PDB file of N, CA and C in Angstrom:
ATOM      1  N   MET A   1      -0.279   9.804 -14.268  1.00  0.00           N
ATOM      2  CA  MET A   1       0.101   8.492 -14.642  1.00  0.00           C
ATOM      3  C   MET A   1      -0.245   7.645 -13.407  1.00  0.00           C
ATOM      4  N   THR A   2      -0.805   6.477 -13.716  1.00  0.00           N
ATOM      5  CA  THR A   2      -1.159   5.494 -12.644  1.00  0.00           C
ATOM      6  C   THR A   2      -0.270   4.144 -12.995  1.00  0.00           C
ATOM      7  N   ARG A   3       0.264   3.685 -11.821  1.00  0.00           N
ATOM      8  CA  ARG A   3       1.039   2.451 -12.067  1.00  0.00           C
ATOM      9  C   ARG A   3       0.812   1.691 -10.622  1.00  0.00           C
ATOM     10  N   ILE A   4       0.964   0.402 -10.792  1.00  0.00           N
ATOM     11  CA  ILE A   4       1.020  -0.464  -9.615  1.00  0.00           C
ATOM     12  C   ILE A   4       2.232  -0.142  -8.769  1.00  0.00           C
ATOM     13  N   GLY A   5       2.021   0.358  -7.625  1.00  0.00           N
ATOM     14  CA  GLY A   5       3.268   0.735  -6.860  1.00  0.00           C
ATOM     15  C   GLY A   5       3.697  -0.462  -5.953  1.00  0.00           C
ATOM     16  N   ASN A   6       2.839  -1.142  -5.407  1.00  0.00           N
ATOM     17  CA  ASN A   6       3.069  -2.247  -4.496  1.00  0.00           C
ATOM     18  C   ASN A   6       1.842  -3.157  -4.287  1.00  0.00           C
ATOM     19  N   VAL A   7       2.182  -4.309  -3.931  1.00  0.00           N
ATOM     20  CA  VAL A   7       1.181  -5.242  -3.322  1.00  0.00           C
ATOM     21  C   VAL A   7       1.520  -5.333  -1.850  1.00  0.00           C
ATOM     22  N   MET A   8       0.559  -5.081  -0.908  1.00  0.00           N
ATOM     23  CA  MET A   8       0.703  -4.929   0.480  1.00  0.00           C
ATOM     24  C   MET A   8       0.106  -6.100   1.234  1.00  0.00           C
ATOM     25  N   TYR A   9       0.765  -6.698   2.157  1.00  0.00           N
ATOM     26  CA  TYR A   9       0.226  -7.598   3.137  1.00  0.00           C
ATOM     27  C   TYR A   9       0.340  -7.045   4.553  1.00  0.00           C
ATOM     28  N   PRO A  10      -0.772  -7.240   5.248  1.00  0.00           N
ATOM     29  CA  PRO A  10      -0.637  -6.762   6.636  1.00  0.00           C
ATOM     30  C   PRO A  10       0.077  -7.835   7.405  1.00  0.00           C
ATOM     31  N   ALA A  11       0.843  -7.406   8.588  1.00  0.00           N
ATOM     32  CA  ALA A  11       1.444  -8.471   9.404  1.00  0.00           C
ATOM     33  C   ALA A  11       1.411  -7.944  10.847  1.00  0.00           C
ATOM     34  N   ASP A  12       1.248  -8.731  11.851  1.00  0.00           N
ATOM     35  CA  ASP A  12       1.343  -8.267  13.235  1.00  0.00           C
ATOM     36  C   ASP A  12       2.755  -8.032  13.650  1.00  0.00           C
ATOM     37  N   ASP A  13       3.732  -8.726  12.947  1.00  0.00           N
ATOM     38  CA  ASP A  13       5.103  -8.685  13.300  1.00  0.00           C
ATOM     39  C   ASP A  13       5.900  -8.418  11.964  1.00  0.00           C
ATOM     40  N   VAL A  14       6.254  -7.269  11.657  1.00  0.00           N
ATOM     41  CA  VAL A  14       6.911  -6.873  10.415  1.00  0.00           C
ATOM     42  C   VAL A  14       8.247  -7.620  10.309  1.00  0.00           C
ATOM     43  N   GLY A  15       9.007  -7.481  11.429  1.00  0.00           N
ATOM     44  CA  GLY A  15      10.409  -8.127  11.392  1.00  0.00           C
ATOM     45  C   GLY A  15      10.237  -9.694  11.083  1.00  0.00           C
ATOM     46  N   GLU A  16       9.369 -10.393  11.670  1.00  0.00           N
ATOM     47  CA  GLU A  16       9.186 -11.867  11.387  1.00  0.00           C
ATOM     48  C   GLU A  16       8.848 -11.944   9.930  1.00  0.00           C
ATOM     49  N   ALA A  17       7.807 -11.142   9.384  1.00  0.00           N
ATOM     50  CA  ALA A  17       7.500 -11.277   8.013  1.00  0.00           C
ATOM     51  C   ALA A  17       8.621 -11.068   7.124  1.00  0.00           C
ATOM     52  N   VAL A  18       9.387 -10.021   7.439  1.00  0.00           N
ATOM     53  CA  VAL A  18      10.493  -9.581   6.663  1.00  0.00           C
ATOM     54  C   VAL A  18      11.576 -10.782   6.623  1.00  0.00           C
ATOM     55  N   ARG A  19      11.886 -11.439   7.716  1.00  0.00           N
ATOM     56  CA  ARG A  19      12.828 -12.508   7.825  1.00  0.00           C
ATOM     57  C   ARG A  19      12.292 -13.581   6.800  1.00  0.00           C
ATOM     58  N   PHE A  20      10.934 -13.980   6.950  1.00  0.00           N
ATOM     59  CA  PHE A  20      10.391 -15.060   6.085  1.00  0.00           C
ATOM     60  C   PHE A  20      10.554 -14.793   4.671  1.00  0.00           C
ATOM     61  N   TYR A  21      10.145 -13.569   4.244  1.00  0.00           N
ATOM     62  CA  TYR A  21      10.157 -13.305   2.833  1.00  0.00           C
ATOM     63  C   TYR A  21      11.674 -13.089   2.379  1.00  0.00           C
ATOM     64  N   ARG A  22      12.437 -12.545   3.140  1.00  0.00           N
ATOM     65  CA  ARG A  22      13.857 -12.333   2.810  1.00  0.00           C
ATOM     66  C   ARG A  22      14.612 -13.706   2.823  1.00  0.00           C
ATOM     67  N   ASP A  23      14.498 -14.325   3.911  1.00  0.00           N
ATOM     68  CA  ASP A  23      15.382 -15.601   4.104  1.00  0.00           C
ATOM     69  C   ASP A  23      14.841 -16.842   3.371  1.00  0.00           C
ATOM     70  N   VAL A  24      13.557 -16.927   3.214  1.00  0.00           N
ATOM     71  CA  VAL A  24      13.022 -18.080   2.615  1.00  0.00           C
ATOM     72  C   VAL A  24      12.747 -17.844   1.137  1.00  0.00           C
ATOM     73  N   LEU A  25      12.233 -16.785   0.722  1.00  0.00           N
ATOM     74  CA  LEU A  25      11.950 -16.545  -0.677  1.00  0.00           C
ATOM     75  C   LEU A  25      13.048 -15.869  -1.347  1.00  0.00           C
ATOM     76  N   GLY A  26      13.965 -15.191  -0.537  1.00  0.00           N
ATOM     77  CA  GLY A  26      15.145 -14.528  -1.112  1.00  0.00           C
ATOM     78  C   GLY A  26      14.820 -13.066  -1.634  1.00  0.00           C
ATOM     79  N   LEU A  27      13.749 -12.483  -1.185  1.00  0.00           N
ATOM     80  CA  LEU A  27      13.418 -11.130  -1.637  1.00  0.00           C
ATOM     81  C   LEU A  27      14.447 -10.046  -0.869  1.00  0.00           C
ATOM     82  N   GLU A  28      14.879  -9.162  -1.627  1.00  0.00           N
ATOM     83  CA  GLU A  28      15.837  -8.146  -1.090  1.00  0.00           C
ATOM     84  C   GLU A  28      14.970  -6.996  -0.402  1.00  0.00           C
ATOM     85  N   VAL A  29      15.399  -6.717   0.742  1.00  0.00           N
ATOM     86  CA  VAL A  29      14.791  -5.613   1.570  1.00  0.00           C
ATOM     87  C   VAL A  29      15.263  -4.300   0.942  1.00  0.00           C
ATOM     88  N   ARG A  30      14.300  -3.539   0.423  1.00  0.00           N
ATOM     89  CA  ARG A  30      14.717  -2.257  -0.056  1.00  0.00           C
ATOM     90  C   ARG A  30      14.544  -1.092   0.966  1.00  0.00           C
ATOM     91  N   PHE A  31      13.648  -1.280   1.872  1.00  0.00           N
ATOM     92  CA  PHE A  31      13.477  -0.229   2.954  1.00  0.00           C
ATOM     93  C   PHE A  31      12.705  -0.843   4.075  1.00  0.00           C
ATOM     94  N   GLN A  32      12.993  -0.490   5.330  1.00  0.00           N
ATOM     95  CA  GLN A  32      12.267  -0.945   6.476  1.00  0.00           C
ATOM     96  C   GLN A  32      12.093   0.201   7.432  1.00  0.00           C
ATOM     97  N   ASP A  33      11.033   0.507   7.881  1.00  0.00           N
ATOM     98  CA  ASP A  33      10.598   1.541   8.992  1.00  0.00           C
ATOM     99  C   ASP A  33      10.216   0.759  10.212  1.00  0.00           C
ATOM    100  N   GLY A  34      11.167   0.089  10.878  1.00  0.00           N
ATOM    101  CA  GLY A  34      10.855  -0.571  12.114  1.00  0.00           C
ATOM    102  C   GLY A  34       9.781  -1.527  11.983  1.00  0.00           C
ATOM    103  N   GLU A  35       8.868  -1.605  12.867  1.00  0.00           N
ATOM    104  CA  GLU A  35       7.641  -2.468  12.838  1.00  0.00           C
ATOM    105  C   GLU A  35       6.465  -1.816  12.134  1.00  0.00           C
ATOM    106  N   ARG A  36       6.629  -0.727  11.458  1.00  0.00           N
ATOM    107  CA  ARG A  36       5.546   0.039  10.780  1.00  0.00           C
ATOM    108  C   ARG A  36       5.408  -0.446   9.451  1.00  0.00           C
ATOM    109  N   PHE A  37       6.551  -0.575   8.613  1.00  0.00           N
ATOM    110  CA  PHE A  37       6.390  -0.935   7.240  1.00  0.00           C
ATOM    111  C   PHE A  37       7.706  -1.455   6.667  1.00  0.00           C
ATOM    112  N   ALA A  38       7.652  -2.203   5.563  1.00  0.00           N
ATOM    113  CA  ALA A  38       8.815  -2.726   5.004  1.00  0.00           C
ATOM    114  C   ALA A  38       8.505  -2.855   3.505  1.00  0.00           C
ATOM    115  N   ALA A  39       9.465  -2.571   2.566  1.00  0.00           N
ATOM    116  CA  ALA A  39       9.326  -2.792   1.150  1.00  0.00           C
ATOM    117  C   ALA A  39      10.364  -3.784   0.757  1.00  0.00           C
ATOM    118  N   LEU A  40       9.961  -4.772   0.041  1.00  0.00           N
ATOM    119  CA  LEU A  40      10.937  -5.810  -0.478  1.00  0.00           C
ATOM    120  C   LEU A  40      10.869  -5.717  -1.945  1.00  0.00           C
ATOM    121  N   ASP A  41      11.910  -6.040  -2.654  1.00  0.00           N
ATOM    122  CA  ASP A  41      11.992  -6.116  -4.064  1.00  0.00           C
ATOM    123  C   ASP A  41      11.408  -7.305  -4.660  1.00  0.00           C
ATOM    124  N   GLY A  42      10.274  -7.162  -5.443  1.00  0.00           N
ATOM    125  CA  GLY A  42       9.561  -8.225  -6.112  1.00  0.00           C
ATOM    126  C   GLY A  42       9.999  -8.334  -7.556  1.00  0.00           C
ATOM    127  N   GLN A  43      11.005  -7.821  -7.924  1.00  0.00           N
ATOM    128  CA  GLN A  43      11.546  -7.962  -9.288  1.00  0.00           C
ATOM    129  C   GLN A  43      10.569  -7.282 -10.355  1.00  0.00           C
ATOM    130  N   GLY A  44      10.197  -6.002 -10.020  1.00  0.00           N
ATOM    131  CA  GLY A  44       9.263  -5.326 -10.907  1.00  0.00           C
ATOM    132  C   GLY A  44       8.038  -4.660 -10.108  1.00  0.00           C
ATOM    133  N   THR A  45       7.724  -5.330  -9.161  1.00  0.00           N
ATOM    134  CA  THR A  45       6.610  -4.933  -8.218  1.00  0.00           C
ATOM    135  C   THR A  45       7.149  -4.851  -6.840  1.00  0.00           C
ATOM    136  N   THR A  46       6.848  -3.914  -5.991  1.00  0.00           N
ATOM    137  CA  THR A  46       7.338  -3.918  -4.701  1.00  0.00           C
ATOM    138  C   THR A  46       6.305  -4.801  -3.807  1.00  0.00           C
ATOM    139  N   PHE A  47       6.933  -5.569  -3.055  1.00  0.00           N
ATOM    140  CA  PHE A  47       6.080  -6.429  -2.085  1.00  0.00           C
ATOM    141  C   PHE A  47       6.195  -5.644  -0.768  1.00  0.00           C
ATOM    142  N   ALA A  48       5.103  -5.137  -0.259  1.00  0.00           N
ATOM    143  CA  ALA A  48       5.134  -4.247   1.004  1.00  0.00           C
ATOM    144  C   ALA A  48       4.500  -5.085   2.109  1.00  0.00           C
ATOM    145  N   ILE A  49       5.103  -4.908   3.195  1.00  0.00           N
ATOM    146  CA  ILE A  49       4.562  -5.445   4.554  1.00  0.00           C
ATOM    147  C   ILE A  49       4.169  -4.284   5.491  1.00  0.00           C
ATOM    148  N   ALA A  50       2.952  -4.328   6.001  1.00  0.00           N
ATOM    149  CA  ALA A  50       2.437  -3.182   6.778  1.00  0.00           C
ATOM    150  C   ALA A  50       2.146  -3.754   8.136  1.00  0.00           C
ATOM    151  N   GLY A  51       2.795  -3.159   9.230  1.00  0.00           N
ATOM    152  CA  GLY A  51       2.469  -3.531  10.564  1.00  0.00           C
ATOM    153  C   GLY A  51       1.108  -2.948  10.953  1.00  0.00           C
ATOM    154  N   PRO A  52       0.588  -3.331  12.171  1.00  0.00           N
ATOM    155  CA  PRO A  52      -0.691  -2.835  12.640  1.00  0.00           C
ATOM    156  C   PRO A  52      -0.876  -1.318  12.721  1.00  0.00           C
ATOM    157  N   GLU A  53       0.241  -0.587  12.953  1.00  0.00           N
ATOM    158  CA  GLU A  53       0.083   0.920  12.994  1.00  0.00           C
ATOM    159  C   GLU A  53      -0.099   1.403  11.562  1.00  0.00           C
ATOM    160  N   GLU A  54       0.336   0.750  10.594  1.00  0.00           N
ATOM    161  CA  GLU A  54       0.319   1.275   9.172  1.00  0.00           C
ATOM    162  C   GLU A  54      -0.680   0.522   8.318  1.00  0.00           C
ATOM    163  N   SER A  55      -1.124  -0.637   8.732  1.00  0.00           N
ATOM    164  CA  SER A  55      -2.128  -1.401   8.038  1.00  0.00           C
ATOM    165  C   SER A  55      -3.299  -0.576   7.659  1.00  0.00           C
ATOM    166  N   LEU A  56      -3.719  -0.708   6.340  1.00  0.00           N
ATOM    167  CA  LEU A  56      -4.870   0.078   5.961  1.00  0.00           C
ATOM    168  C   LEU A  56      -6.180  -0.760   5.796  1.00  0.00           C
ATOM    169  N   VAL A  57      -5.908  -2.022   5.571  1.00  0.00           N
ATOM    170  CA  VAL A  57      -7.081  -2.910   5.320  1.00  0.00           C
ATOM    171  C   VAL A  57      -6.657  -4.303   5.883  1.00  0.00           C
ATOM    172  N   THR A  58      -7.642  -5.173   5.990  1.00  0.00           N
ATOM    173  CA  THR A  58      -7.239  -6.598   6.327  1.00  0.00           C
ATOM    174  C   THR A  58      -7.075  -7.357   5.135  1.00  0.00           C
ATOM    175  N   GLY A  59      -6.049  -8.102   5.086  1.00  0.00           N
ATOM    176  CA  GLY A  59      -5.899  -8.894   3.782  1.00  0.00           C
ATOM    177  C   GLY A  59      -4.997  -8.179   2.806  1.00  0.00           C
ATOM    178  N   PRO A  60      -4.518  -8.924   1.744  1.00  0.00           N
ATOM    179  CA  PRO A  60      -3.722  -8.311   0.736  1.00  0.00           C
ATOM    180  C   PRO A  60      -4.517  -7.301   0.030  1.00  0.00           C
ATOM    181  N   VAL A  61      -3.767  -6.209  -0.470  1.00  0.00           N
ATOM    182  CA  VAL A  61      -4.378  -5.089  -1.291  1.00  0.00           C
ATOM    183  C   VAL A  61      -3.373  -4.706  -2.135  1.00  0.00           C
ATOM    184  N   VAL A  62      -3.732  -4.195  -3.492  1.00  0.00           N
ATOM    185  CA  VAL A  62      -2.813  -3.521  -4.407  1.00  0.00           C
ATOM    186  C   VAL A  62      -2.899  -2.031  -4.171  1.00  0.00           C
ATOM    187  N   SER A  63      -1.736  -1.494  -4.373  1.00  0.00           N
ATOM    188  CA  SER A  63      -1.602   0.081  -4.202  1.00  0.00           C
ATOM    189  C   SER A  63      -1.068   0.693  -5.455  1.00  0.00           C
ATOM    190  N   PHE A  64      -1.823   1.645  -5.804  1.00  0.00           N
ATOM    191  CA  PHE A  64      -1.525   2.320  -7.115  1.00  0.00           C
ATOM    192  C   PHE A  64      -0.888   3.624  -6.852  1.00  0.00           C
ATOM    193  N   LYS A  65       0.200   3.933  -7.473  1.00  0.00           N
ATOM    194  CA  LYS A  65       0.921   5.185  -7.250  1.00  0.00           C
ATOM    195  C   LYS A  65       0.365   6.081  -8.367  1.00  0.00           C
ATOM    196  N   VAL A  66      -0.109   7.350  -7.878  1.00  0.00           N
ATOM    197  CA  VAL A  66      -0.720   8.227  -8.884  1.00  0.00           C
ATOM    198  C   VAL A  66      -0.093   9.607  -8.554  1.00  0.00           C
ATOM    199  N   ASP A  67      -0.336  10.462  -9.565  1.00  0.00           N
ATOM    200  CA  ASP A  67       0.201  11.835  -9.312  1.00  0.00           C
ATOM    201  C   ASP A  67      -0.542  12.735  -8.417  1.00  0.00           C
ATOM    202  N   ASP A  68      -1.942  12.543  -8.262  1.00  0.00           N
ATOM    203  CA  ASP A  68      -2.759  13.312  -7.513  1.00  0.00           C
ATOM    204  C   ASP A  68      -3.824  12.532  -6.777  1.00  0.00           C
ATOM    205  N   VAL A  69      -3.598  12.222  -5.510  1.00  0.00           N
ATOM    206  CA  VAL A  69      -4.526  11.293  -4.826  1.00  0.00           C
ATOM    207  C   VAL A  69      -5.979  11.823  -4.864  1.00  0.00           C
ATOM    208  N   THR A  70      -5.998  13.179  -4.471  1.00  0.00           N
ATOM    209  CA  THR A  70      -7.451  13.764  -4.371  1.00  0.00           C
ATOM    210  C   THR A  70      -8.090  13.734  -5.662  1.00  0.00           C
ATOM    211  N   ALA A  71      -7.494  14.058  -6.809  1.00  0.00           N
ATOM    212  CA  ALA A  71      -8.180  14.012  -8.159  1.00  0.00           C
ATOM    213  C   ALA A  71      -8.446  12.596  -8.496  1.00  0.00           C
ATOM    214  N   MET A  72      -7.681  11.711  -8.246  1.00  0.00           N
ATOM    215  CA  MET A  72      -8.037  10.253  -8.577  1.00  0.00           C
ATOM    216  C   MET A  72      -9.163   9.757  -7.706  1.00  0.00           C
ATOM    217  N   VAL A  73      -9.204  10.216  -6.405  1.00  0.00           N
ATOM    218  CA  VAL A  73     -10.275   9.706  -5.510  1.00  0.00           C
ATOM    219  C   VAL A  73     -11.618  10.224  -6.206  1.00  0.00           C
ATOM    220  N   ASP A  74     -11.627  11.607  -6.506  1.00  0.00           N
ATOM    221  CA  ASP A  74     -12.826  12.102  -7.219  1.00  0.00           C
ATOM    222  C   ASP A  74     -13.287  11.301  -8.369  1.00  0.00           C
ATOM    223  N   ARG A  75     -12.203  11.009  -9.185  1.00  0.00           N
ATOM    224  CA  ARG A  75     -12.576  10.247 -10.507  1.00  0.00           C
ATOM    225  C   ARG A  75     -13.040   8.891 -10.070  1.00  0.00           C
ATOM    226  N   LEU A  76     -12.425   8.104  -9.263  1.00  0.00           N
ATOM    227  CA  LEU A  76     -12.868   6.764  -8.972  1.00  0.00           C
ATOM    228  C   LEU A  76     -14.342   6.761  -8.227  1.00  0.00           C
ATOM    229  N   THR A  77     -14.509   7.705  -7.250  1.00  0.00           N
ATOM    230  CA  THR A  77     -15.829   7.698  -6.676  1.00  0.00           C
ATOM    231  C   THR A  77     -16.942   8.105  -7.621  1.00  0.00           C
ATOM    232  N   ALA A  78     -16.690   8.955  -8.616  1.00  0.00           N
ATOM    233  CA  ALA A  78     -17.619   9.332  -9.536  1.00  0.00           C
ATOM    234  C   ALA A  78     -17.932   8.061 -10.448  1.00  0.00           C
ATOM    235  N   ALA A  79     -17.053   7.110 -10.477  1.00  0.00           N
ATOM    236  CA  ALA A  79     -17.254   5.981 -11.357  1.00  0.00           C
ATOM    237  C   ALA A  79     -17.827   4.726 -10.437  1.00  0.00           C
ATOM    238  N   GLY A  80     -18.090   5.038  -9.241  1.00  0.00           N
ATOM    239  CA  GLY A  80     -18.784   3.975  -8.412  1.00  0.00           C
ATOM    240  C   GLY A  80     -17.956   3.377  -7.288  1.00  0.00           C
ATOM    241  N   ALA A  81     -16.674   3.846  -7.049  1.00  0.00           N
ATOM    242  CA  ALA A  81     -15.892   3.351  -5.887  1.00  0.00           C
ATOM    243  C   ALA A  81     -16.408   4.005  -4.653  1.00  0.00           C
ATOM    244  N   LEU A  82     -16.068   3.357  -3.490  1.00  0.00           N
ATOM    245  CA  LEU A  82     -16.517   3.813  -2.199  1.00  0.00           C
ATOM    246  C   LEU A  82     -15.247   4.326  -1.588  1.00  0.00           C
ATOM    247  N   LEU A  83     -15.120   5.577  -1.125  1.00  0.00           N
ATOM    248  CA  LEU A  83     -14.111   6.095  -0.244  1.00  0.00           C
ATOM    249  C   LEU A  83     -14.212   5.594   1.168  1.00  0.00           C
ATOM    250  N   VAL A  84     -13.115   4.826   1.656  1.00  0.00           N
ATOM    251  CA  VAL A  84     -13.181   4.178   2.887  1.00  0.00           C
ATOM    252  C   VAL A  84     -12.381   5.201   3.891  1.00  0.00           C
ATOM    253  N   ARG A  85     -11.318   5.780   3.425  1.00  0.00           N
ATOM    254  CA  ARG A  85     -10.439   6.460   4.336  1.00  0.00           C
ATOM    255  C   ARG A  85      -9.556   7.496   3.516  1.00  0.00           C
ATOM    256  N   GLY A  86      -9.420   8.629   4.002  1.00  0.00           N
ATOM    257  CA  GLY A  86      -8.612   9.643   3.377  1.00  0.00           C
ATOM    258  C   GLY A  86      -9.213  10.506   2.371  1.00  0.00           C
ATOM    259  N   PRO A  87      -8.456  11.196   1.539  1.00  0.00           N
ATOM    260  CA  PRO A  87      -7.005  11.276   1.494  1.00  0.00           C
ATOM    261  C   PRO A  87      -6.429  11.766   2.815  1.00  0.00           C
ATOM    262  N   GLU A  88      -5.137  11.249   3.159  1.00  0.00           N
ATOM    263  CA  GLU A  88      -4.538  11.662   4.391  1.00  0.00           C
ATOM    264  C   GLU A  88      -3.009  11.513   4.185  1.00  0.00           C
ATOM    265  N   GLU A  89      -2.352  12.325   4.985  1.00  0.00           N
ATOM    266  CA  GLU A  89      -0.818  12.218   4.976  1.00  0.00           C
ATOM    267  C   GLU A  89      -0.336  11.207   5.841  1.00  0.00           C
ATOM    268  N   GLY A  90       0.345  10.310   5.409  1.00  0.00           N
ATOM    269  CA  GLY A  90       1.011   9.268   6.206  1.00  0.00           C
ATOM    270  C   GLY A  90       2.454   9.659   6.404  1.00  0.00           C
ATOM    271  N   PRO A  91       3.317   8.859   7.074  1.00  0.00           N
ATOM    272  CA  PRO A  91       4.703   9.183   7.326  1.00  0.00           C
ATOM    273  C   PRO A  91       5.508   9.229   6.088  1.00  0.00           C
ATOM    274  N   HIS A  92       5.016   8.483   5.010  1.00  0.00           N
ATOM    275  CA  HIS A  92       5.903   8.559   3.817  1.00  0.00           C
ATOM    276  C   HIS A  92       5.201   8.967   2.648  1.00  0.00           C
ATOM    277  N   GLU A  93       3.814   9.200   2.695  1.00  0.00           N
ATOM    278  CA  GLU A  93       3.115   9.638   1.267  1.00  0.00           C
ATOM    279  C   GLU A  93       1.724  10.012   1.695  1.00  0.00           C
ATOM    280  N   ILE A  94       1.055  10.515   0.732  1.00  0.00           N
ATOM    281  CA  ILE A  94      -0.320  10.886   0.845  1.00  0.00           C
ATOM    282  C   ILE A  94      -1.128   9.802   0.304  1.00  0.00           C
ATOM    283  N   ARG A  95      -2.160   9.195   1.052  1.00  0.00           N
ATOM    284  CA  ARG A  95      -2.912   8.006   0.526  1.00  0.00           C
ATOM    285  C   ARG A  95      -4.356   8.162   0.841  1.00  0.00           C
ATOM    286  N   ALA A  96      -5.064   7.243   0.219  1.00  0.00           N
ATOM    287  CA  ALA A  96      -6.509   7.060   0.341  1.00  0.00           C
ATOM    288  C   ALA A  96      -6.915   5.510   0.138  1.00  0.00           C
ATOM    289  N   VAL A  97      -7.772   5.126   0.888  1.00  0.00           N
ATOM    290  CA  VAL A  97      -8.269   3.724   0.732  1.00  0.00           C
ATOM    291  C   VAL A  97      -9.648   3.749   0.129  1.00  0.00           C
ATOM    292  N   LEU A  98      -9.888   3.010  -0.870  1.00  0.00           N
ATOM    293  CA  LEU A  98     -11.248   2.888  -1.441  1.00  0.00           C
ATOM    294  C   LEU A  98     -11.611   1.427  -1.641  1.00  0.00           C
ATOM    295  N   ARG A  99     -12.874   1.106  -1.978  1.00  0.00           N
ATOM    296  CA  ARG A  99     -13.299  -0.124  -2.446  1.00  0.00           C
ATOM    297  C   ARG A  99     -13.856   0.088  -3.897  1.00  0.00           C
ATOM    298  N   ASP A 100     -13.456  -0.826  -4.852  1.00  0.00           N
ATOM    299  CA  ASP A 100     -13.962  -0.735  -6.264  1.00  0.00           C
ATOM    300  C   ASP A 100     -15.463  -1.050  -6.303  1.00  0.00           C
ATOM    301  N   PRO A 101     -16.179  -0.941  -7.317  1.00  0.00           N
ATOM    302  CA  PRO A 101     -17.551  -1.389  -7.358  1.00  0.00           C
ATOM    303  C   PRO A 101     -17.928  -2.738  -6.918  1.00  0.00           C
ATOM    304  N   ALA A 102     -16.839  -3.705  -7.016  1.00  0.00           N
ATOM    305  CA  ALA A 102     -17.109  -5.146  -6.604  1.00  0.00           C
ATOM    306  C   ALA A 102     -16.760  -5.376  -5.167  1.00  0.00           C
ATOM    307  N   GLY A 103     -16.320  -4.259  -4.415  1.00  0.00           N
ATOM    308  CA  GLY A 103     -15.988  -4.291  -3.080  1.00  0.00           C
ATOM    309  C   GLY A 103     -14.559  -4.594  -2.683  1.00  0.00           C
ATOM    310  N   ASN A 104     -13.680  -4.692  -3.622  1.00  0.00           N
ATOM    311  CA  ASN A 104     -12.297  -5.138  -3.460  1.00  0.00           C
ATOM    312  C   ASN A 104     -11.533  -3.690  -3.113  1.00  0.00           C
ATOM    313  N   PRO A 105     -10.770  -3.874  -2.003  1.00  0.00           N
ATOM    314  CA  PRO A 105      -9.912  -2.652  -1.438  1.00  0.00           C
ATOM    315  C   PRO A 105      -8.819  -2.374  -2.455  1.00  0.00           C
ATOM    316  N   LEU A 106      -8.532  -1.069  -2.496  1.00  0.00           N
ATOM    317  CA  LEU A 106      -7.375  -0.540  -3.159  1.00  0.00           C
ATOM    318  C   LEU A 106      -6.896   0.769  -2.506  1.00  0.00           C
ATOM    319  N   VAL A 107      -5.562   0.928  -2.548  1.00  0.00           N
ATOM    320  CA  VAL A 107      -4.904   2.067  -2.003  1.00  0.00           C
ATOM    321  C   VAL A 107      -4.359   3.019  -3.042  1.00  0.00           C
ATOM    322  N   LEU A 108      -4.647   4.234  -3.026  1.00  0.00           N
ATOM    323  CA  LEU A 108      -3.924   5.261  -3.926  1.00  0.00           C
ATOM    324  C   LEU A 108      -2.927   5.981  -2.983  1.00  0.00           C
ATOM    325  N   TYR A 109      -1.706   6.184  -3.714  1.00  0.00           N
ATOM    326  CA  TYR A 109      -0.729   6.955  -2.917  1.00  0.00           C
ATOM    327  C   TYR A 109       0.081   7.863  -3.854  1.00  0.00           C
ATOM    328  N   ALA A 110       0.650   8.840  -3.282  1.00  0.00           N
ATOM    329  CA  ALA A 110       1.589   9.780  -4.030  1.00  0.00           C
ATOM    330  C   ALA A 110       2.613  10.210  -3.095  1.00  0.00           C
ATOM    331  N   SER A 111       3.813  10.405  -3.595  1.00  0.00           N
ATOM    332  CA  SER A 111       4.892  10.913  -2.775  1.00  0.00           C
ATOM    333  C   SER A 111       4.463  12.358  -2.314  1.00  0.00           C
ATOM    334  N   ARG A 112       4.957  12.567  -1.020  1.00  0.00           N
ATOM    335  CA  ARG A 112       4.715  13.840  -0.491  1.00  0.00           C
ATOM    336  C   ARG A 112       5.726  14.880  -1.053  1.00  0.00           C
ATOM    337  N   THR A 113       5.207  16.006  -1.448  1.00  0.00           N
ATOM    338  CA  THR A 113       6.084  17.027  -1.951  1.00  0.00           C
ATOM    339  C   THR A 113       6.407  18.131  -1.019  1.00  0.00           C
TER     340      THR A 113
END
């Protein structure tokens, strides 16, 4: 099963970004890993903030949660996507970065078992 897991924004200062989106927009913080990563409740879609250590691309990117990252990478590259990075184990999940046939970045991820 594939679903949109989050929309991720890179930020040089995760704490500052969290304060902005929490205090100004009222998003609830669901999880924060220091200056590495934060997940805020977007009422149906997680709004993620990735610090420089965790950021996978420049600019906003959609992340898809899948059951098997490697199998989905194979499926997408066979259909014309370009593998940019991974699959690799991050501190919280297994992930890969690709570009779709139009050049747009996307991230695939799965929970570590």
